[in-house]
Amino acid sequence: MKKTITILLITIIIPAIGYSQDLLDALRYSTYQLEGTARAGAMGNAFGALGGDFTSVSINPAGIGLYRSAELALSPYFGQNNIESTYLSTTFSDSKYNFAFSNISYVGSFIAGANSESGIVSLNFGIGYNRLKDFNSNALVEGYNSNSSFLDYIAENANYGDWSDFYEELAWQTDLLLQDT
């Protein structure tokens, strides 16, 4: 009996405290932008069929078969994010610098036979890291308005029938919007 109650409580409590994704998160996380090595980036990441580059291993693992010698690859990434906003003649700007490695990889190659062109020519192995996507993003918008608020904007949209699940519906469910009778 205790075991049944414990299992029942676990199946009720765990989903209640869990978090889920919405449709936008599913789209954001289902697509990827392979960053890989600098060489692959210069070719538009068109190394799936070409091979001979560690980025191709993320697309087509058979691409590692073109290596004839060992290779160590490090591809640093340096970027800058800028944002500028203007609200009621108040301009705000912010920038952030990012440093990361798009690729860190090592491919080892062992020659199987002495100048053999048939059978097993070489044995290759590789270990590495290819960055698939960068989710680091911060945005800050700032402005001062003493006449209205964002809730006034939401209420105006709701009054004119422009109902959104992300703004008006959430405001309604949290009692920020009330029905005027």
N, C-alpha and C. Protein backbone atom coordinates (compact mmCIF):
# COMPACT_ATOMS: atom_id res chain seq x y z
N MET A 1 0.81 -1.19 0.00
CA MET A 1 0.00 0.00 0.00
C MET A 1 0.86 1.27 0.00
N LYS A 2 1.93 1.24 0.84
CA LYS A 2 2.82 2.39 0.91
C LYS A 2 3.50 2.63 -0.44
N LYS A 3 3.87 1.54 -1.11
CA LYS A 3 4.54 1.65 -2.41
C LYS A 3 3.61 2.29 -3.44
N THR A 4 2.35 1.91 -3.44
CA THR A 4 1.37 2.47 -4.37
C THR A 4 1.16 3.95 -4.12
N ILE A 5 1.06 4.35 -2.86
CA ILE A 5 0.88 5.76 -2.52
C ILE A 5 2.11 6.56 -2.91
N THR A 6 3.31 6.01 -2.67
CA THR A 6 4.55 6.69 -3.05
C THR A 6 4.61 6.90 -4.56
N ILE A 7 4.32 5.88 -5.32
CA ILE A 7 4.35 6.00 -6.79
C ILE A 7 3.31 7.00 -7.25
N LEU A 8 2.13 7.00 -6.66
CA LEU A 8 1.08 7.95 -7.02
C LEU A 8 1.50 9.38 -6.72
N LEU A 9 2.09 9.61 -5.56
CA LEU A 9 2.56 10.95 -5.21
C LEU A 9 3.67 11.43 -6.15
N ILE A 10 4.58 10.54 -6.48
CA ILE A 10 5.67 10.91 -7.40
C ILE A 10 5.12 11.27 -8.76
N THR A 11 4.15 10.52 -9.27
CA THR A 11 3.60 10.82 -10.60
C THR A 11 2.77 12.10 -10.59
N ILE A 12 2.31 12.54 -9.45
CA ILE A 12 1.56 13.80 -9.37
C ILE A 12 2.49 14.98 -9.13
N ILE A 13 3.47 14.83 -8.25
CA ILE A 13 4.33 15.95 -7.85
C ILE A 13 5.36 16.30 -8.91
N ILE A 14 6.01 15.33 -9.52
CA ILE A 14 7.07 15.62 -10.49
C ILE A 14 6.56 16.45 -11.68
N PRO A 15 5.45 16.10 -12.32
CA PRO A 15 4.98 16.97 -13.40
C PRO A 15 4.55 18.37 -12.93
N ALA A 16 4.13 18.48 -11.69
CA ALA A 16 3.68 19.77 -11.18
C ALA A 16 4.84 20.74 -11.00
N ILE A 17 6.04 20.24 -10.67
CA ILE A 17 7.19 21.13 -10.47
C ILE A 17 8.09 21.19 -11.70
N GLY A 18 7.79 20.40 -12.71
CA GLY A 18 8.62 20.38 -13.92
C GLY A 18 8.34 21.57 -14.82
N TYR A 19 9.28 21.87 -15.68
CA TYR A 19 9.13 22.96 -16.64
C TYR A 19 9.12 22.36 -18.04
N SER A 20 8.43 23.02 -18.93
CA SER A 20 8.36 22.51 -20.30
C SER A 20 8.71 23.62 -21.27
N GLN A 21 8.82 23.24 -22.52
CA GLN A 21 9.13 24.19 -23.59
C GLN A 21 7.86 24.51 -24.35
N ASP A 22 7.88 25.68 -24.98
CA ASP A 22 6.75 26.03 -25.83
C ASP A 22 7.17 25.85 -27.29
N LEU A 23 6.31 26.26 -28.20
CA LEU A 23 6.60 26.07 -29.63
C LEU A 23 7.84 26.82 -30.08
N LEU A 24 8.05 28.01 -29.56
CA LEU A 24 9.23 28.77 -29.96
C LEU A 24 10.52 28.09 -29.50
N ASP A 25 10.51 27.53 -28.30
CA ASP A 25 11.69 26.80 -27.82
C ASP A 25 11.95 25.57 -28.67
N ALA A 26 10.88 24.87 -29.05
CA ALA A 26 11.05 23.69 -29.90
C ALA A 26 11.69 24.06 -31.23
N LEU A 27 11.27 25.15 -31.82
CA LEU A 27 11.87 25.60 -33.08
C LEU A 27 13.30 26.05 -32.87
N ARG A 28 13.55 26.79 -31.81
CA ARG A 28 14.89 27.31 -31.52
C ARG A 28 15.89 26.19 -31.30
N TYR A 29 15.49 25.14 -30.57
CA TYR A 29 16.42 24.07 -30.23
C TYR A 29 16.48 22.97 -31.28
N SER A 30 15.53 22.92 -32.21
CA SER A 30 15.54 21.85 -33.21
C SER A 30 16.42 22.19 -34.41
N THR A 31 16.66 23.45 -34.65
CA THR A 31 17.54 23.84 -35.74
C THR A 31 18.93 24.08 -35.17
N TYR A 32 19.94 23.87 -35.97
CA TYR A 32 21.28 24.16 -35.50
C TYR A 32 22.08 24.83 -36.60
N GLN A 33 23.04 25.61 -36.16
CA GLN A 33 23.94 26.31 -37.06
C GLN A 33 25.34 25.82 -36.72
N LEU A 34 25.82 24.87 -37.48
CA LEU A 34 27.12 24.28 -37.20
C LEU A 34 28.20 25.32 -37.42
N GLU A 35 28.99 25.58 -36.38
CA GLU A 35 30.05 26.57 -36.51
C GLU A 35 31.35 25.91 -36.98
N GLY A 36 31.80 24.88 -36.32
CA GLY A 36 32.94 24.09 -36.78
C GLY A 36 34.24 24.84 -36.96
N THR A 37 35.08 24.32 -37.87
CA THR A 37 36.41 24.88 -38.09
C THR A 37 36.32 26.12 -38.98
N ALA A 38 37.39 26.90 -38.95
CA ALA A 38 37.44 28.10 -39.79
C ALA A 38 37.42 27.73 -41.26
N ARG A 39 38.07 26.63 -41.62
CA ARG A 39 38.09 26.18 -43.01
C ARG A 39 36.68 25.84 -43.50
N ALA A 40 35.91 25.14 -42.68
CA ALA A 40 34.54 24.79 -43.06
C ALA A 40 33.67 26.04 -43.13
N GLY A 41 33.87 26.98 -42.21
CA GLY A 41 33.11 28.22 -42.24
C GLY A 41 33.38 29.02 -43.50
N ALA A 42 34.61 29.00 -43.97
CA ALA A 42 34.96 29.71 -45.21
C ALA A 42 34.31 29.07 -46.42
N MET A 43 34.01 27.79 -46.35
CA MET A 43 33.36 27.08 -47.45
C MET A 43 31.85 27.01 -47.27
N GLY A 44 31.30 27.76 -46.31
CA GLY A 44 29.86 27.74 -46.07
C GLY A 44 29.38 26.44 -45.46
N ASN A 45 30.23 25.76 -44.70
CA ASN A 45 29.94 24.47 -44.06
C ASN A 45 29.51 23.41 -45.07
N ALA A 46 30.05 23.48 -46.27
CA ALA A 46 29.72 22.51 -47.32
C ALA A 46 30.72 21.36 -47.31
N PHE A 47 30.96 20.77 -46.16
CA PHE A 47 31.93 19.70 -46.03
C PHE A 47 31.29 18.35 -45.81
N GLY A 48 29.98 18.25 -45.91
CA GLY A 48 29.31 16.98 -45.69
C GLY A 48 29.77 15.90 -46.64
N ALA A 49 29.88 16.22 -47.91
CA ALA A 49 30.31 15.25 -48.91
C ALA A 49 31.81 15.34 -49.19
N LEU A 50 32.42 16.47 -48.88
CA LEU A 50 33.83 16.68 -49.19
C LEU A 50 34.75 15.93 -48.24
N GLY A 51 34.53 16.05 -46.95
CA GLY A 51 35.36 15.35 -45.96
C GLY A 51 36.72 15.99 -45.79
N GLY A 52 37.57 15.35 -45.02
CA GLY A 52 38.92 15.84 -44.81
C GLY A 52 39.00 17.01 -43.84
N ASP A 53 37.94 17.29 -43.13
CA ASP A 53 37.88 18.36 -42.15
C ASP A 53 37.04 17.85 -40.99
N PHE A 54 37.40 18.21 -39.75
CA PHE A 54 36.68 17.63 -38.62
C PHE A 54 35.22 18.06 -38.58
N THR A 55 34.87 19.19 -39.15
CA THR A 55 33.47 19.61 -39.19
C THR A 55 32.63 18.62 -39.98
N SER A 56 33.22 17.99 -40.98
CA SER A 56 32.47 17.01 -41.77
C SER A 56 32.06 15.81 -40.93
N VAL A 57 32.78 15.52 -39.86
CA VAL A 57 32.44 14.38 -39.01
C VAL A 57 31.08 14.61 -38.33
N SER A 58 30.75 15.87 -38.05
CA SER A 58 29.44 16.18 -37.46
C SER A 58 28.32 16.02 -38.47
N ILE A 59 28.63 16.15 -39.75
CA ILE A 59 27.63 16.05 -40.80
C ILE A 59 27.60 14.64 -41.39
N ASN A 60 28.78 14.12 -41.71
CA ASN A 60 28.93 12.80 -42.32
C ASN A 60 30.19 12.14 -41.72
N PRO A 61 30.04 11.20 -40.82
CA PRO A 61 31.20 10.60 -40.15
C PRO A 61 32.19 9.93 -41.10
N ALA A 62 31.77 9.56 -42.29
CA ALA A 62 32.69 8.94 -43.24
C ALA A 62 33.75 9.92 -43.75
N GLY A 63 33.55 11.23 -43.53
CA GLY A 63 34.52 12.23 -43.96
C GLY A 63 35.86 12.12 -43.28
N ILE A 64 35.92 11.40 -42.15
CA ILE A 64 37.19 11.23 -41.44
C ILE A 64 38.12 10.29 -42.21
N GLY A 65 37.57 9.52 -43.16
CA GLY A 65 38.37 8.57 -43.92
C GLY A 65 39.36 9.20 -44.88
N LEU A 66 39.24 10.50 -45.16
CA LEU A 66 40.15 11.17 -46.10
C LEU A 66 41.45 11.63 -45.47
N TYR A 67 41.56 11.55 -44.14
CA TYR A 67 42.79 11.98 -43.48
C TYR A 67 43.91 10.99 -43.78
N ARG A 68 45.10 11.51 -44.07
CA ARG A 68 46.28 10.68 -44.29
C ARG A 68 47.37 10.96 -43.26
N SER A 69 47.13 11.96 -42.41
CA SER A 69 48.07 12.27 -41.33
C SER A 69 47.28 12.85 -40.17
N ALA A 70 47.93 12.97 -39.02
CA ALA A 70 47.26 13.49 -37.83
C ALA A 70 47.04 14.99 -37.96
N GLU A 71 46.00 15.48 -37.27
CA GLU A 71 45.70 16.91 -37.32
C GLU A 71 45.09 17.35 -35.99
N LEU A 72 45.58 18.46 -35.48
CA LEU A 72 45.02 19.11 -34.32
C LEU A 72 44.45 20.45 -34.79
N ALA A 73 43.19 20.70 -34.52
CA ALA A 73 42.55 21.94 -34.99
C ALA A 73 41.91 22.68 -33.83
N LEU A 74 42.17 23.96 -33.74
CA LEU A 74 41.55 24.87 -32.78
C LEU A 74 41.01 26.05 -33.58
N SER A 75 39.73 26.34 -33.46
CA SER A 75 39.13 27.46 -34.17
C SER A 75 38.48 28.40 -33.15
N PRO A 76 39.18 29.47 -32.79
CA PRO A 76 38.59 30.41 -31.84
C PRO A 76 37.52 31.27 -32.52
N TYR A 77 36.60 31.76 -31.72
CA TYR A 77 35.53 32.62 -32.21
C TYR A 77 35.52 33.87 -31.36
N PHE A 78 35.49 35.01 -32.02
CA PHE A 78 35.38 36.28 -31.31
C PHE A 78 34.27 37.06 -31.98
N GLY A 79 33.27 37.43 -31.21
CA GLY A 79 32.14 38.15 -31.79
C GLY A 79 31.68 39.27 -30.89
N GLN A 80 30.83 40.11 -31.44
CA GLN A 80 30.29 41.23 -30.71
C GLN A 80 28.80 41.34 -30.99
N ASN A 81 28.01 41.49 -29.95
CA ASN A 81 26.58 41.73 -30.09
C ASN A 81 26.30 43.17 -29.73
N ASN A 82 25.58 43.86 -30.59
CA ASN A 82 25.19 45.24 -30.34
C ASN A 82 23.68 45.35 -30.33
N ILE A 83 23.18 46.19 -29.46
CA ILE A 83 21.76 46.49 -29.45
C ILE A 83 21.59 47.97 -29.19
N GLU A 84 20.65 48.56 -29.91
CA GLU A 84 20.33 49.97 -29.71
C GLU A 84 18.82 50.12 -29.73
N SER A 85 18.30 50.83 -28.76
CA SER A 85 16.86 51.03 -28.68
C SER A 85 16.56 52.50 -28.50
N THR A 86 15.43 52.91 -29.04
CA THR A 86 14.95 54.28 -28.87
C THR A 86 13.50 54.22 -28.42
N TYR A 87 13.22 54.88 -27.32
CA TYR A 87 11.86 54.91 -26.79
C TYR A 87 11.60 56.33 -26.29
N LEU A 88 10.63 57.00 -26.92
CA LEU A 88 10.25 58.36 -26.56
C LEU A 88 11.48 59.27 -26.50
N SER A 89 12.25 59.26 -27.56
CA SER A 89 13.45 60.11 -27.74
C SER A 89 14.58 59.79 -26.77
N THR A 90 14.49 58.69 -26.06
CA THR A 90 15.58 58.25 -25.20
C THR A 90 16.27 57.08 -25.89
N THR A 91 17.55 57.24 -26.19
CA THR A 91 18.31 56.19 -26.88
C THR A 91 19.22 55.47 -25.90
N PHE A 92 19.22 54.16 -26.00
CA PHE A 92 20.07 53.32 -25.16
C PHE A 92 20.80 52.34 -26.04
N SER A 93 22.08 52.16 -25.81
CA SER A 93 22.84 51.17 -26.58
C SER A 93 23.71 50.35 -25.63
N ASP A 94 23.95 49.11 -26.05
CA ASP A 94 24.74 48.20 -25.24
C ASP A 94 25.47 47.26 -26.18
N SER A 95 26.65 46.81 -25.79
CA SER A 95 27.39 45.85 -26.61
C SER A 95 28.06 44.84 -25.69
N LYS A 96 28.27 43.66 -26.23
CA LYS A 96 28.90 42.58 -25.47
C LYS A 96 29.86 41.85 -26.39
N TYR A 97 31.04 41.54 -25.88
CA TYR A 97 32.03 40.81 -26.64
C TYR A 97 32.02 39.36 -26.19
N ASN A 98 32.10 38.43 -27.14
CA ASN A 98 32.07 37.00 -26.84
C ASN A 98 33.34 36.34 -27.37
N PHE A 99 33.91 35.45 -26.58
CA PHE A 99 35.03 34.63 -27.03
C PHE A 99 34.69 33.19 -26.71
N ALA A 100 34.88 32.32 -27.69
CA ALA A 100 34.61 30.90 -27.50
C ALA A 100 35.42 30.12 -28.53
N PHE A 101 35.40 28.82 -28.41
CA PHE A 101 36.01 27.96 -29.42
C PHE A 101 34.89 27.29 -30.21
N SER A 102 34.90 27.51 -31.53
CA SER A 102 33.93 26.85 -32.39
C SER A 102 34.28 25.40 -32.62
N ASN A 103 35.57 25.09 -32.57
CA ASN A 103 36.02 23.73 -32.83
C ASN A 103 37.31 23.47 -32.07
N ILE A 104 37.36 22.33 -31.42
CA ILE A 104 38.59 21.79 -30.83
C ILE A 104 38.59 20.32 -31.22
N SER A 105 39.57 19.90 -31.98
CA SER A 105 39.53 18.51 -32.46
C SER A 105 40.94 17.96 -32.69
N TYR A 106 41.01 16.65 -32.60
CA TYR A 106 42.23 15.93 -32.93
C TYR A 106 41.84 14.69 -33.73
N VAL A 107 42.52 14.50 -34.85
CA VAL A 107 42.32 13.30 -35.66
C VAL A 107 43.67 12.61 -35.77
N GLY A 108 43.69 11.33 -35.40
CA GLY A 108 44.90 10.54 -35.53
C GLY A 108 44.77 9.59 -36.70
N SER A 109 45.89 9.34 -37.38
CA SER A 109 45.88 8.47 -38.55
C SER A 109 47.03 7.47 -38.44
N PHE A 110 46.70 6.21 -38.60
CA PHE A 110 47.71 5.15 -38.57
C PHE A 110 47.74 4.49 -39.94
N ILE A 111 48.89 4.48 -40.58
CA ILE A 111 49.05 3.84 -41.89
C ILE A 111 49.08 2.33 -41.67
N ALA A 112 48.22 1.62 -42.40
CA ALA A 112 48.08 0.18 -42.19
C ALA A 112 49.18 -0.61 -42.91
N GLY A 113 49.46 -0.27 -44.12
CA GLY A 113 50.47 -1.01 -44.88
C GLY A 113 51.46 -0.05 -45.52
N ALA A 114 52.56 -0.60 -46.00
CA ALA A 114 53.59 0.24 -46.62
C ALA A 114 53.14 0.63 -48.03
N ASN A 115 52.67 1.87 -48.19
CA ASN A 115 52.24 2.42 -49.48
C ASN A 115 51.21 1.53 -50.17
N SER A 116 50.31 0.98 -49.42
CA SER A 116 49.29 0.12 -49.97
C SER A 116 48.15 0.96 -50.53
N GLU A 117 47.65 0.58 -51.71
CA GLU A 117 46.51 1.27 -52.31
C GLU A 117 45.28 0.38 -52.33
N SER A 118 45.39 -0.83 -51.83
CA SER A 118 44.24 -1.72 -51.78
C SER A 118 44.10 -2.25 -50.36
N GLY A 119 42.91 -2.66 -50.02
CA GLY A 119 42.64 -3.13 -48.66
C GLY A 119 42.55 -1.94 -47.71
N ILE A 120 42.95 -2.15 -46.48
CA ILE A 120 42.92 -1.07 -45.50
C ILE A 120 44.19 -0.24 -45.66
N VAL A 121 44.01 1.00 -46.09
CA VAL A 121 45.14 1.90 -46.31
C VAL A 121 45.57 2.54 -45.00
N SER A 122 44.60 3.03 -44.23
CA SER A 122 44.92 3.65 -42.95
C SER A 122 43.73 3.51 -42.01
N LEU A 123 44.00 3.70 -40.75
CA LEU A 123 42.97 3.67 -39.72
C LEU A 123 42.97 5.04 -39.05
N ASN A 124 41.83 5.70 -39.08
CA ASN A 124 41.72 7.05 -38.52
C ASN A 124 40.76 7.06 -37.34
N PHE A 125 41.08 7.86 -36.35
CA PHE A 125 40.16 8.08 -35.24
C PHE A 125 40.17 9.56 -34.92
N GLY A 126 39.10 10.03 -34.38
CA GLY A 126 39.02 11.45 -34.07
C GLY A 126 38.21 11.70 -32.81
N ILE A 127 38.57 12.75 -32.13
CA ILE A 127 37.81 13.20 -30.96
C ILE A 127 37.79 14.72 -31.03
N GLY A 128 36.64 15.27 -30.76
CA GLY A 128 36.57 16.72 -30.86
C GLY A 128 35.27 17.31 -30.41
N TYR A 129 35.20 18.60 -30.56
CA TYR A 129 34.05 19.39 -30.14
C TYR A 129 33.75 20.38 -31.26
N ASN A 130 32.53 20.34 -31.77
CA ASN A 130 32.04 21.34 -32.72
C ASN A 130 30.88 22.06 -32.09
N ARG A 131 30.96 23.36 -32.02
CA ARG A 131 29.88 24.14 -31.45
C ARG A 131 28.74 24.19 -32.45
N LEU A 132 27.53 23.86 -32.00
CA LEU A 132 26.39 23.82 -32.90
C LEU A 132 25.62 25.12 -32.94
N LYS A 133 25.45 25.76 -31.82
CA LYS A 133 24.66 26.98 -31.80
C LYS A 133 25.02 27.80 -30.57
N ASP A 134 24.87 29.09 -30.66
CA ASP A 134 25.17 29.98 -29.57
C ASP A 134 23.86 30.58 -29.06
N PHE A 135 23.48 30.26 -27.83
CA PHE A 135 22.25 30.79 -27.25
C PHE A 135 22.51 31.97 -26.32
N ASN A 136 23.74 32.45 -26.26
CA ASN A 136 24.05 33.58 -25.41
C ASN A 136 23.53 34.86 -26.05
N SER A 137 22.54 35.44 -25.42
CA SER A 137 21.95 36.66 -25.97
C SER A 137 21.33 37.46 -24.84
N ASN A 138 21.68 38.70 -24.76
CA ASN A 138 21.09 39.61 -23.78
C ASN A 138 20.61 40.85 -24.51
N ALA A 139 19.46 41.32 -24.14
CA ALA A 139 18.93 42.55 -24.72
C ALA A 139 18.38 43.40 -23.59
N LEU A 140 18.68 44.67 -23.63
CA LEU A 140 18.21 45.59 -22.61
C LEU A 140 17.62 46.80 -23.30
N VAL A 141 16.38 47.07 -23.00
CA VAL A 141 15.70 48.24 -23.54
C VAL A 141 15.25 49.06 -22.36
N GLU A 142 15.48 50.34 -22.43
CA GLU A 142 15.21 51.19 -21.29
C GLU A 142 14.56 52.46 -21.78
N GLY A 143 13.58 52.94 -21.06
CA GLY A 143 12.94 54.20 -21.40
C GLY A 143 12.04 54.65 -20.28
N TYR A 144 11.70 55.91 -20.27
CA TYR A 144 10.88 56.47 -19.21
C TYR A 144 9.63 57.08 -19.82
N ASN A 145 8.48 56.72 -19.24
CA ASN A 145 7.21 57.22 -19.70
C ASN A 145 6.30 57.34 -18.48
N SER A 146 5.91 58.53 -18.13
CA SER A 146 5.08 58.72 -16.94
C SER A 146 3.59 58.69 -17.27
N ASN A 147 3.23 58.59 -18.55
CA ASN A 147 1.83 58.67 -18.94
C ASN A 147 1.15 57.31 -19.06
N SER A 148 1.87 56.27 -19.40
CA SER A 148 1.24 54.96 -19.59
C SER A 148 2.25 53.87 -19.26
N SER A 149 1.77 52.63 -19.29
CA SER A 149 2.63 51.51 -19.00
C SER A 149 2.41 50.43 -20.06
N PHE A 150 3.18 49.36 -19.97
CA PHE A 150 3.02 48.26 -20.90
C PHE A 150 1.66 47.58 -20.71
N LEU A 151 1.16 47.60 -19.48
CA LEU A 151 -0.15 47.02 -19.22
C LEU A 151 -1.25 47.82 -19.92
N ASP A 152 -1.07 49.14 -20.05
CA ASP A 152 -2.04 49.94 -20.82
C ASP A 152 -2.06 49.49 -22.27
N TYR A 153 -0.90 49.19 -22.82
CA TYR A 153 -0.80 48.70 -24.20
C TYR A 153 -1.52 47.35 -24.35
N ILE A 154 -1.32 46.46 -23.37
CA ILE A 154 -1.97 45.14 -23.41
C ILE A 154 -3.49 45.30 -23.30
N ALA A 155 -3.94 46.19 -22.40
CA ALA A 155 -5.39 46.41 -22.23
C ALA A 155 -5.99 46.99 -23.50
N GLU A 156 -5.30 47.88 -24.16
CA GLU A 156 -5.80 48.46 -25.42
C GLU A 156 -5.91 47.39 -26.50
N ASN A 157 -4.93 46.52 -26.59
CA ASN A 157 -5.00 45.41 -27.56
C ASN A 157 -6.16 44.49 -27.25
N ALA A 158 -6.38 44.19 -25.96
CA ALA A 158 -7.47 43.31 -25.58
C ALA A 158 -8.82 43.95 -25.90
N ASN A 159 -8.95 45.24 -25.70
CA ASN A 159 -10.21 45.93 -25.99
C ASN A 159 -10.53 45.94 -27.47
N TYR A 160 -9.52 45.97 -28.32
CA TYR A 160 -9.74 46.00 -29.76
C TYR A 160 -9.70 44.60 -30.39
N GLY A 161 -9.67 43.56 -29.57
CA GLY A 161 -9.74 42.19 -30.07
C GLY A 161 -8.44 41.63 -30.60
N ASP A 162 -7.33 42.31 -30.34
CA ASP A 162 -6.03 41.81 -30.79
C ASP A 162 -5.44 40.96 -29.66
N TRP A 163 -6.00 39.74 -29.48
CA TRP A 163 -5.68 38.87 -28.35
C TRP A 163 -4.49 37.98 -28.68
N SER A 164 -3.51 37.97 -27.82
CA SER A 164 -2.31 37.14 -28.00
C SER A 164 -2.16 36.22 -26.80
N ASP A 165 -1.77 34.97 -27.06
CA ASP A 165 -1.54 34.02 -25.96
C ASP A 165 -0.34 34.39 -25.11
N PHE A 166 0.57 35.18 -25.66
CA PHE A 166 1.79 35.51 -24.94
C PHE A 166 1.65 36.74 -24.05
N TYR A 167 0.75 37.65 -24.38
CA TYR A 167 0.61 38.87 -23.59
C TYR A 167 -0.76 38.98 -22.94
N GLU A 168 -1.78 39.15 -23.75
CA GLU A 168 -3.11 39.39 -23.20
C GLU A 168 -3.63 38.19 -22.40
N GLU A 169 -3.41 36.98 -22.90
CA GLU A 169 -3.88 35.79 -22.19
C GLU A 169 -3.19 35.65 -20.84
N LEU A 170 -1.88 35.88 -20.80
CA LEU A 170 -1.16 35.79 -19.53
C LEU A 170 -1.59 36.87 -18.56
N ALA A 171 -1.84 38.07 -19.07
CA ALA A 171 -2.32 39.16 -18.21
C ALA A 171 -3.71 38.82 -17.67
N TRP A 172 -4.55 38.20 -18.49
CA TRP A 172 -5.89 37.81 -18.06
C TRP A 172 -5.82 36.73 -16.97
N GLN A 173 -4.98 35.73 -17.17
CA GLN A 173 -4.89 34.63 -16.22
C GLN A 173 -4.28 35.04 -14.88
N THR A 174 -3.50 36.10 -14.87
CA THR A 174 -2.89 36.57 -13.62
C THR A 174 -3.65 37.75 -13.02
N ASP A 175 -4.87 38.00 -13.52
CA ASP A 175 -5.75 39.06 -13.02
C ASP A 175 -5.18 40.47 -13.17
N LEU A 176 -4.30 40.67 -14.13
CA LEU A 176 -3.85 42.02 -14.45
C LEU A 176 -4.89 42.73 -15.33
N LEU A 177 -5.59 41.94 -16.13
CA LEU A 177 -6.70 42.46 -16.94
C LEU A 177 -7.99 41.99 -16.27
N LEU A 178 -8.90 42.90 -16.10
CA LEU A 178 -10.18 42.57 -15.52
C LEU A 178 -11.28 42.97 -16.49
N GLN A 179 -12.38 42.25 -16.43
CA GLN A 179 -13.51 42.55 -17.33
C GLN A 179 -14.30 43.72 -16.75
N ASP A 180 -14.51 44.71 -17.57
CA ASP A 180 -15.28 45.90 -17.17
C ASP A 180 -16.76 45.63 -17.40
N THR A 181 -17.58 45.71 -16.36
CA THR A 181 -19.01 45.45 -16.54
C THR A 181 -19.82 46.70 -16.32
